[in-house]
Amino acid sequence: MGVTIYTKDGCPHCQAAKEHFSRQNIDYTEINISEDKGKIDELVKVAGVRKVPVIVEGDKVTVGFNGGG
């Protein structure tokens, strides 16, 4: 099961999510919607929102990041 994190530039919650997964030694794929605007439609399809971070772990989709707690 892979982890995908949708992010955007300058988002502190996105940065915290990436740091959390790195500390846990969990590999993740980052999709930065600031760098690839074409992924915004994909984000909306996956999560139903235009907010980041969105964390996708298998079938589980989490909008936002609360510090890994």
PDB file of N, CA and C in Angstrom:
ATOM      1  N   MET A   1       0.851  -1.181   0.000  1.00  0.00           N
ATOM      2  CA  MET A   1       0.000   0.000   0.000  1.00  0.00           C
ATOM      3  C   MET A   1       0.891   1.237   0.000  1.00  0.00           C
ATOM      4  N   GLY A   2       0.757   2.068  -1.013  1.00  0.00           N
ATOM      5  CA  GLY A   2       1.552   3.270  -1.102  1.00  0.00           C
ATOM      6  C   GLY A   2       0.844   4.456  -0.478  1.00  0.00           C
ATOM      7  N   VAL A   3       1.618   5.467  -0.172  1.00  0.00           N
ATOM      8  CA  VAL A   3       1.082   6.707   0.380  1.00  0.00           C
ATOM      9  C   VAL A   3       1.337   7.808  -0.638  1.00  0.00           C
ATOM     10  N   THR A   4       0.311   8.589  -0.904  1.00  0.00           N
ATOM     11  CA  THR A   4       0.427   9.756  -1.774  1.00  0.00           C
ATOM     12  C   THR A   4      -0.020  10.969  -0.978  1.00  0.00           C
ATOM     13  N   ILE A   5       0.768  12.045  -1.065  1.00  0.00           N
ATOM     14  CA  ILE A   5       0.423  13.284  -0.383  1.00  0.00           C
ATOM     15  C   ILE A   5       0.299  14.389  -1.425  1.00  0.00           C
ATOM     16  N   TYR A   6      -0.890  14.969  -1.520  1.00  0.00           N
ATOM     17  CA  TYR A   6      -1.101  16.133  -2.374  1.00  0.00           C
ATOM     18  C   TYR A   6      -0.718  17.355  -1.564  1.00  0.00           C
ATOM     19  N   THR A   7       0.136  18.201  -2.128  1.00  0.00           N
ATOM     20  CA  THR A   7       0.663  19.362  -1.424  1.00  0.00           C
ATOM     21  C   THR A   7       0.601  20.592  -2.320  1.00  0.00           C
ATOM     22  N   LYS A   8       0.960  21.742  -1.730  1.00  0.00           N
ATOM     23  CA  LYS A   8       1.204  22.953  -2.516  1.00  0.00           C
ATOM     24  C   LYS A   8       2.335  23.718  -1.846  1.00  0.00           C
ATOM     25  N   ASP A   9       2.969  24.573  -2.606  1.00  0.00           N
ATOM     26  CA  ASP A   9       4.083  25.367  -2.090  1.00  0.00           C
ATOM     27  C   ASP A   9       3.618  26.247  -0.937  1.00  0.00           C
ATOM     28  N   GLY A  10       4.458  26.351   0.101  1.00  0.00           N
ATOM     29  CA  GLY A  10       4.193  27.253   1.212  1.00  0.00           C
ATOM     30  C   GLY A  10       3.182  26.756   2.228  1.00  0.00           C
ATOM     31  N   CYS A  11       2.766  25.506   2.142  1.00  0.00           N
ATOM     32  CA  CYS A  11       1.755  24.955   3.055  1.00  0.00           C
ATOM     33  C   CYS A  11       2.440  24.303   4.260  1.00  0.00           C
ATOM     34  N   PRO A  12       2.296  24.901   5.460  1.00  0.00           N
ATOM     35  CA  PRO A  12       2.975  24.327   6.627  1.00  0.00           C
ATOM     36  C   PRO A  12       2.424  22.955   7.019  1.00  0.00           C
ATOM     37  N   HIS A  13       1.139  22.717   6.791  1.00  0.00           N
ATOM     38  CA  HIS A  13       0.562  21.416   7.127  1.00  0.00           C
ATOM     39  C   HIS A  13       1.062  20.341   6.171  1.00  0.00           C
ATOM     40  N   CYS A  14       1.279  20.727   4.926  1.00  0.00           N
ATOM     41  CA  CYS A  14       1.853  19.799   3.946  1.00  0.00           C
ATOM     42  C   CYS A  14       3.272  19.409   4.369  1.00  0.00           C
ATOM     43  N   GLN A  15       4.052  20.404   4.760  1.00  0.00           N
ATOM     44  CA  GLN A  15       5.425  20.153   5.200  1.00  0.00           C
ATOM     45  C   GLN A  15       5.435  19.251   6.423  1.00  0.00           C
ATOM     46  N   ALA A  16       4.535  19.497   7.362  1.00  0.00           N
ATOM     47  CA  ALA A  16       4.466  18.666   8.575  1.00  0.00           C
ATOM     48  C   ALA A  16       4.100  17.232   8.224  1.00  0.00           C
ATOM     49  N   ALA A  17       3.196  17.044   7.286  1.00  0.00           N
ATOM     50  CA  ALA A  17       2.805  15.690   6.880  1.00  0.00           C
ATOM     51  C   ALA A  17       3.988  14.961   6.261  1.00  0.00           C
ATOM     52  N   LYS A  18       4.714  15.638   5.386  1.00  0.00           N
ATOM     53  CA  LYS A  18       5.879  15.005   4.753  1.00  0.00           C
ATOM     54  C   LYS A  18       6.934  14.644   5.799  1.00  0.00           C
ATOM     55  N   GLU A  19       7.175  15.545   6.736  1.00  0.00           N
ATOM     56  CA  GLU A  19       8.156  15.268   7.794  1.00  0.00           C
ATOM     57  C   GLU A  19       7.715  14.086   8.647  1.00  0.00           C
ATOM     58  N   HIS A  20       6.426  13.998   8.950  1.00  0.00           N
ATOM     59  CA  HIS A  20       5.889  12.894   9.746  1.00  0.00           C
ATOM     60  C   HIS A  20       6.174  11.558   9.068  1.00  0.00           C
ATOM     61  N   PHE A  21       5.834  11.450   7.798  1.00  0.00           N
ATOM     62  CA  PHE A  21       6.038  10.188   7.092  1.00  0.00           C
ATOM     63  C   PHE A  21       7.524   9.872   6.954  1.00  0.00           C
ATOM     64  N   SER A  22       8.350  10.888   6.744  1.00  0.00           N
ATOM     65  CA  SER A  22       9.795  10.668   6.668  1.00  0.00           C
ATOM     66  C   SER A  22      10.344  10.141   7.990  1.00  0.00           C
ATOM     67  N   ARG A  23       9.904  10.737   9.111  1.00  0.00           N
ATOM     68  CA  ARG A  23      10.352  10.274  10.439  1.00  0.00           C
ATOM     69  C   ARG A  23       9.930   8.833  10.713  1.00  0.00           C
ATOM     70  N   GLN A  24       8.784   8.440  10.156  1.00  0.00           N
ATOM     71  CA  GLN A  24       8.277   7.080  10.347  1.00  0.00           C
ATOM     72  C   GLN A  24       8.888   6.103   9.335  1.00  0.00           C
ATOM     73  N   ASN A  25       9.810   6.608   8.510  1.00  0.00           N
ATOM     74  CA  ASN A  25      10.421   5.806   7.444  1.00  0.00           C
ATOM     75  C   ASN A  25       9.387   5.205   6.507  1.00  0.00           C
ATOM     76  N   ILE A  26       8.350   5.987   6.218  1.00  0.00           N
ATOM     77  CA  ILE A  26       7.307   5.568   5.288  1.00  0.00           C
ATOM     78  C   ILE A  26       7.521   6.323   3.983  1.00  0.00           C
ATOM     79  N   ASP A  27       7.741   5.569   2.918  1.00  0.00           N
ATOM     80  CA  ASP A  27       7.908   6.192   1.611  1.00  0.00           C
ATOM     81  C   ASP A  27       6.582   6.769   1.145  1.00  0.00           C
ATOM     82  N   TYR A  28       6.649   7.889   0.497  1.00  0.00           N
ATOM     83  CA  TYR A  28       5.433   8.506  -0.032  1.00  0.00           C
ATOM     84  C   TYR A  28       5.751   9.153  -1.377  1.00  0.00           C
ATOM     85  N   THR A  29       4.698   9.339  -2.141  1.00  0.00           N
ATOM     86  CA  THR A  29       4.784  10.067  -3.394  1.00  0.00           C
ATOM     87  C   THR A  29       4.130  11.418  -3.177  1.00  0.00           C
ATOM     88  N   GLU A  30       4.841  12.474  -3.518  1.00  0.00           N
ATOM     89  CA  GLU A  30       4.292  13.823  -3.377  1.00  0.00           C
ATOM     90  C   GLU A  30       3.769  14.303  -4.720  1.00  0.00           C
ATOM     91  N   ILE A  31       2.563  14.838  -4.714  1.00  0.00           N
ATOM     92  CA  ILE A  31       2.005  15.492  -5.892  1.00  0.00           C
ATOM     93  C   ILE A  31       1.772  16.943  -5.510  1.00  0.00           C
ATOM     94  N   ASN A  32       2.610  17.819  -6.046  1.00  0.00           N
ATOM     95  CA  ASN A  32       2.558  19.240  -5.713  1.00  0.00           C
ATOM     96  C   ASN A  32       1.685  19.947  -6.746  1.00  0.00           C
ATOM     97  N   ILE A  33       0.509  20.395  -6.318  1.00  0.00           N
ATOM     98  CA  ILE A  33      -0.421  21.033  -7.256  1.00  0.00           C
ATOM     99  C   ILE A  33       0.020  22.442  -7.636  1.00  0.00           C
ATOM    100  N   SER A  34       0.982  23.017  -6.923  1.00  0.00           N
ATOM    101  CA  SER A  34       1.549  24.305  -7.329  1.00  0.00           C
ATOM    102  C   SER A  34       2.418  24.127  -8.565  1.00  0.00           C
ATOM    103  N   GLU A  35       3.089  22.996  -8.648  1.00  0.00           N
ATOM    104  CA  GLU A  35       3.991  22.721  -9.759  1.00  0.00           C
ATOM    105  C   GLU A  35       3.272  22.068 -10.935  1.00  0.00           C
ATOM    106  N   ASP A  36       2.184  21.356 -10.654  1.00  0.00           N
ATOM    107  CA  ASP A  36       1.440  20.654 -11.703  1.00  0.00           C
ATOM    108  C   ASP A  36      -0.047  20.952 -11.546  1.00  0.00           C
ATOM    109  N   LYS A  37      -0.462  22.075 -12.100  1.00  0.00           N
ATOM    110  CA  LYS A  37      -1.866  22.510 -11.957  1.00  0.00           C
ATOM    111  C   LYS A  37      -2.843  21.497 -12.535  1.00  0.00           C
ATOM    112  N   GLY A  38      -2.388  20.659 -13.448  1.00  0.00           N
ATOM    113  CA  GLY A  38      -3.239  19.631 -14.031  1.00  0.00           C
ATOM    114  C   GLY A  38      -3.687  18.595 -13.018  1.00  0.00           C
ATOM    115  N   LYS A  39      -3.005  18.515 -11.897  1.00  0.00           N
ATOM    116  CA  LYS A  39      -3.354  17.532 -10.855  1.00  0.00           C
ATOM    117  C   LYS A  39      -4.481  18.016  -9.946  1.00  0.00           C
ATOM    118  N   ILE A  40      -4.907  19.275 -10.080  1.00  0.00           N
ATOM    119  CA  ILE A  40      -5.982  19.786  -9.232  1.00  0.00           C
ATOM    120  C   ILE A  40      -7.268  19.001  -9.479  1.00  0.00           C
ATOM    121  N   ASP A  41      -7.584  18.727 -10.740  1.00  0.00           N
ATOM    122  CA  ASP A  41      -8.785  17.935 -11.044  1.00  0.00           C
ATOM    123  C   ASP A  41      -8.692  16.539 -10.431  1.00  0.00           C
ATOM    124  N   GLU A  42      -7.503  15.958 -10.456  1.00  0.00           N
ATOM    125  CA  GLU A  42      -7.286  14.640  -9.845  1.00  0.00           C
ATOM    126  C   GLU A  42      -7.521  14.716  -8.333  1.00  0.00           C
ATOM    127  N   LEU A  43      -7.015  15.775  -7.715  1.00  0.00           N
ATOM    128  CA  LEU A  43      -7.205  15.982  -6.279  1.00  0.00           C
ATOM    129  C   LEU A  43      -8.687  16.042  -5.932  1.00  0.00           C
ATOM    130  N   VAL A  44      -9.446  16.811  -6.702  1.00  0.00           N
ATOM    131  CA  VAL A  44     -10.888  16.943  -6.453  1.00  0.00           C
ATOM    132  C   VAL A  44     -11.588  15.596  -6.634  1.00  0.00           C
ATOM    133  N   LYS A  45     -11.176  14.838  -7.634  1.00  0.00           N
ATOM    134  CA  LYS A  45     -11.783  13.526  -7.876  1.00  0.00           C
ATOM    135  C   LYS A  45     -11.497  12.565  -6.723  1.00  0.00           C
ATOM    136  N   VAL A  46     -10.275  12.604  -6.210  1.00  0.00           N
ATOM    137  CA  VAL A  46      -9.863  11.699  -5.129  1.00  0.00           C
ATOM    138  C   VAL A  46     -10.490  12.093  -3.795  1.00  0.00           C
ATOM    139  N   ALA A  47     -10.473  13.404  -3.488  1.00  0.00           N
ATOM    140  CA  ALA A  47     -10.837  13.852  -2.142  1.00  0.00           C
ATOM    141  C   ALA A  47     -12.132  14.648  -2.070  1.00  0.00           C
ATOM    142  N   GLY A  48     -12.608  15.130  -3.204  1.00  0.00           N
ATOM    143  CA  GLY A  48     -13.824  15.936  -3.196  1.00  0.00           C
ATOM    144  C   GLY A  48     -13.616  17.354  -2.707  1.00  0.00           C
ATOM    145  N   VAL A  49     -12.368  17.771  -2.574  1.00  0.00           N
ATOM    146  CA  VAL A  49     -12.041  19.123  -2.098  1.00  0.00           C
ATOM    147  C   VAL A  49     -10.869  19.678  -2.898  1.00  0.00           C
ATOM    148  N   ARG A  50     -10.669  20.984  -2.738  1.00  0.00           N
ATOM    149  CA  ARG A  50      -9.518  21.646  -3.354  1.00  0.00           C
ATOM    150  C   ARG A  50      -8.560  22.135  -2.268  1.00  0.00           C
ATOM    151  N   LYS A  51      -8.478  21.399  -1.168  1.00  0.00           N
ATOM    152  CA  LYS A  51      -7.609  21.751  -0.048  1.00  0.00           C
ATOM    153  C   LYS A  51      -6.446  20.768  -0.005  1.00  0.00           C
ATOM    154  N   VAL A  52      -5.363  21.202   0.583  1.00  0.00           N
ATOM    155  CA  VAL A  52      -4.236  20.318   0.842  1.00  0.00           C
ATOM    156  C   VAL A  52      -3.791  20.514   2.281  1.00  0.00           C
ATOM    157  N   PRO A  53      -3.110  19.586   2.880  1.00  0.00           N
ATOM    158  CA  PRO A  53      -2.712  18.329   2.260  1.00  0.00           C
ATOM    159  C   PRO A  53      -3.868  17.331   2.203  1.00  0.00           C
ATOM    160  N   VAL A  54      -3.774  16.466   1.231  1.00  0.00           N
ATOM    161  CA  VAL A  54      -4.632  15.292   1.161  1.00  0.00           C
ATOM    162  C   VAL A  54      -3.700  14.104   1.149  1.00  0.00           C
ATOM    163  N   ILE A  55      -3.955  13.174   2.072  1.00  0.00           N
ATOM    164  CA  ILE A  55      -3.109  11.998   2.215  1.00  0.00           C
ATOM    165  C   ILE A  55      -3.930  10.782   1.811  1.00  0.00           C
ATOM    166  N   VAL A  56      -3.399  10.028   0.848  1.00  0.00           N
ATOM    167  CA  VAL A  56      -4.077   8.832   0.354  1.00  0.00           C
ATOM    168  C   VAL A  56      -3.227   7.628   0.732  1.00  0.00           C
ATOM    169  N   GLU A  57      -3.821   6.752   1.548  1.00  0.00           N
ATOM    170  CA  GLU A  57      -3.162   5.515   1.970  1.00  0.00           C
ATOM    171  C   GLU A  57      -4.087   4.368   1.578  1.00  0.00           C
ATOM    172  N   GLY A  58      -3.802   3.729   0.446  1.00  0.00           N
ATOM    173  CA  GLY A  58      -4.689   2.676  -0.041  1.00  0.00           C
ATOM    174  C   GLY A  58      -6.054   3.258  -0.353  1.00  0.00           C
ATOM    175  N   ASP A  59      -7.088   2.749   0.296  1.00  0.00           N
ATOM    176  CA  ASP A  59      -8.457   3.235   0.106  1.00  0.00           C
ATOM    177  C   ASP A  59      -8.818   4.378   1.050  1.00  0.00           C
ATOM    178  N   LYS A  60      -7.930   4.701   1.982  1.00  0.00           N
ATOM    179  CA  LYS A  60      -8.203   5.738   2.974  1.00  0.00           C
ATOM    180  C   LYS A  60      -7.727   7.100   2.477  1.00  0.00           C
ATOM    181  N   VAL A  61      -8.635   8.077   2.479  1.00  0.00           N
ATOM    182  CA  VAL A  61      -8.307   9.442   2.055  1.00  0.00           C
ATOM    183  C   VAL A  61      -8.515  10.363   3.262  1.00  0.00           C
ATOM    184  N   THR A  62      -7.450  11.094   3.623  1.00  0.00           N
ATOM    185  CA  THR A  62      -7.508  12.024   4.751  1.00  0.00           C
ATOM    186  C   THR A  62      -7.257  13.429   4.237  1.00  0.00           C
ATOM    187  N   VAL A  63      -8.171  14.334   4.548  1.00  0.00           N
ATOM    188  CA  VAL A  63      -8.004  15.745   4.185  1.00  0.00           C
ATOM    189  C   VAL A  63      -7.444  16.459   5.400  1.00  0.00           C
ATOM    190  N   GLY A  64      -6.291  17.097   5.221  1.00  0.00           N
ATOM    191  CA  GLY A  64      -5.652  17.800   6.327  1.00  0.00           C
ATOM    192  C   GLY A  64      -4.671  16.907   7.057  1.00  0.00           C
ATOM    193  N   PHE A  65      -3.932  17.525   7.963  1.00  0.00           N
ATOM    194  CA  PHE A  65      -2.941  16.805   8.761  1.00  0.00           C
ATOM    195  C   PHE A  65      -2.913  17.430  10.135  1.00  0.00           C
ATOM    196  N   ASN A  66      -3.053  16.589  11.164  1.00  0.00           N
ATOM    197  CA  ASN A  66      -3.130  17.100  12.535  1.00  0.00           C
ATOM    198  C   ASN A  66      -1.900  16.745  13.358  1.00  0.00           C
ATOM    199  N   GLY A  67      -0.783  16.548  12.697  1.00  0.00           N
ATOM    200  CA  GLY A  67       0.444  16.266  13.425  1.00  0.00           C
ATOM    201  C   GLY A  67       0.710  14.788  13.641  1.00  0.00           C
ATOM    202  N   GLY A  68      -0.013  13.951  12.979  1.00  0.00           N
ATOM    203  CA  GLY A  68       0.229  12.516  13.072  1.00  0.00           C
ATOM    204  C   GLY A  68      -0.389  11.860  14.274  1.00  0.00           C
ATOM    205  N   GLY A  69      -1.199  12.597  15.020  1.00  0.00           N
ATOM    206  CA  GLY A  69      -1.801  12.050  16.214  1.00  0.00           C
ATOM    207  C   GLY A  69      -3.037  11.390  15.958  1.00  0.00           C
TER     208      GLY A  69
END
